[in-house]
Amino acid sequence: MTEEALQNAKDFLVSYTLHKKWLNASRYEREYFGGDADDEVFLRAKLFRVREFIVSLPNCPEKLFLTCHYVRGHSVEKCAELMDVSVRSAYRLKKRALLLAAERLSKKE
């Protein structure tokens, strides 16, 4: 697996958190300043793509980690606590999860 594939997978997964924050900002802007609703539809579609991708993965600890860390927004340390594993194991799990995501994303393309 190349570094570029890993970085693409990480960027794809991190985009969930970024778009979620952007969606909240857009909602605020629309409520107080009359912004455009088209942005919200576009952002929701991107959020859906990330969630759909994670859900499509086989049930495994890596899938749980991806959901906990990227969708729910918990730190690696908090994910370790929630998953009842050591922090060191959680970082290893993160690496395996990113490898799995990169492999699946490269197959999709």
Protein backbone atom coordinates (compact mmCIF):
# COMPACT_ATOMS: atom_id res chain seq x y z
CA MET A 1 0.00 0.00 0.00
CA THR A 2 1.43 3.35 -1.01
CA GLU A 3 1.67 6.40 1.22
CA GLU A 4 -0.50 8.26 -1.25
CA ALA A 5 -3.31 5.69 -0.93
CA LEU A 6 -3.10 5.90 2.86
CA GLN A 7 -3.21 9.69 2.76
CA ASN A 8 -6.21 9.63 0.39
CA ALA A 9 -8.08 7.30 2.76
CA LYS A 10 -7.25 9.49 5.74
CA ASP A 11 -8.33 12.65 3.89
CA PHE A 12 -11.59 10.98 2.85
CA LEU A 13 -12.38 9.96 6.43
CA VAL A 14 -11.30 13.26 7.98
CA SER A 15 -13.58 15.06 5.53
CA TYR A 16 -16.56 13.78 7.55
CA THR A 17 -15.62 15.88 10.56
CA LEU A 18 -14.77 18.88 8.42
CA HIS A 19 -18.03 18.74 6.49
CA LYS A 20 -20.02 18.24 9.68
CA LYS A 21 -18.52 21.44 11.12
CA TRP A 22 -19.11 23.23 7.83
CA LEU A 23 -22.73 22.07 7.84
CA ASN A 24 -23.24 23.49 11.33
CA ALA A 25 -21.68 26.78 10.23
CA SER A 26 -23.91 26.86 7.14
CA ARG A 27 -26.99 26.25 9.25
CA TYR A 28 -26.00 29.13 11.54
CA GLU A 29 -25.35 31.40 8.57
CA ARG A 30 -28.68 30.53 6.95
CA GLU A 31 -30.59 31.05 10.19
CA TYR A 32 -29.08 34.44 10.97
CA PHE A 33 -28.07 35.82 7.58
CA GLY A 34 -30.29 34.02 5.04
CA GLY A 35 -27.59 31.82 3.42
CA ASP A 36 -28.07 29.32 0.58
CA ALA A 37 -29.60 25.87 1.31
CA ASP A 38 -27.78 24.24 -1.64
CA ASP A 39 -24.58 24.09 0.39
CA GLU A 40 -26.34 22.01 3.02
CA VAL A 41 -27.54 19.46 0.48
CA PHE A 42 -24.03 19.13 -0.98
CA LEU A 43 -22.46 18.69 2.46
CA ARG A 44 -25.05 16.15 3.56
CA ALA A 45 -24.32 14.12 0.43
CA LYS A 46 -20.60 14.09 1.28
CA LEU A 47 -21.33 13.03 4.86
CA PHE A 48 -23.55 10.26 3.56
CA ARG A 49 -20.76 8.98 1.27
CA VAL A 50 -18.33 8.61 4.18
CA ARG A 51 -20.91 6.92 6.40
CA GLU A 52 -21.99 4.62 3.58
CA PHE A 53 -18.36 3.67 2.97
CA ILE A 54 -17.76 2.82 6.62
CA VAL A 55 -21.00 0.83 6.86
CA SER A 56 -19.99 -1.16 3.77
CA LEU A 57 -16.89 -2.49 5.52
CA PRO A 58 -17.06 -5.94 7.11
CA ASN A 59 -17.81 -6.03 10.83
CA CYS A 60 -14.45 -5.82 12.53
CA PRO A 61 -12.64 -3.73 15.16
CA GLU A 62 -11.32 -1.47 12.39
CA LYS A 63 -14.87 -0.55 11.34
CA LEU A 64 -15.78 0.23 14.94
CA PHE A 65 -12.68 2.39 15.28
CA LEU A 66 -13.44 4.32 12.07
CA THR A 67 -16.94 5.05 13.31
CA CYS A 68 -15.78 6.04 16.77
CA HIS A 69 -12.89 8.22 15.62
CA TYR A 70 -14.02 9.80 12.35
CA VAL A 71 -17.82 9.83 12.53
CA ARG A 72 -18.31 10.39 16.26
CA GLY A 73 -15.19 12.58 16.50
CA HIS A 74 -13.60 10.94 19.54
CA SER A 75 -9.85 11.08 20.10
CA VAL A 76 -7.80 7.91 19.72
CA GLU A 77 -7.45 7.81 23.50
CA LYS A 78 -11.22 8.02 24.01
CA CYS A 79 -11.77 5.33 21.35
CA ALA A 80 -9.33 3.11 23.24
CA GLU A 81 -11.32 3.62 26.41
CA LEU A 82 -14.66 2.97 24.70
CA MET A 83 -13.33 -0.14 22.93
CA ASP A 84 -11.62 -1.39 26.10
CA VAL A 85 -8.15 -1.59 24.56
CA SER A 86 -4.87 0.10 25.45
CA VAL A 87 -4.00 3.40 23.81
CA ARG A 88 -1.08 1.72 22.09
CA SER A 89 -3.41 -0.92 20.65
CA ALA A 90 -5.79 1.83 19.53
CA TYR A 91 -3.02 3.50 17.52
CA ARG A 92 -2.21 0.15 15.91
CA LEU A 93 -5.91 -0.32 15.22
CA LYS A 94 -6.02 3.13 13.61
CA LYS A 95 -3.19 2.17 11.27
CA ARG A 96 -4.92 -1.10 10.31
CA ALA A 97 -8.21 0.76 9.83
CA LEU A 98 -6.57 3.27 7.50
CA LEU A 99 -4.94 0.44 5.55
CA LEU A 100 -8.32 -1.28 5.21
CA ALA A 101 -9.96 1.97 4.12
CA ALA A 102 -7.21 2.71 1.61
CA GLU A 103 -7.50 -0.79 0.16
CA ARG A 104 -11.28 -0.53 -0.19
CA LEU A 105 -11.16 2.98 -1.63
CA SER A 106 -8.58 1.99 -4.24
CA LYS A 107 -10.82 -0.93 -5.29
CA LYS A 108 -13.80 1.43 -5.64
CA GLU A 109 -11.94 3.70 -8.05
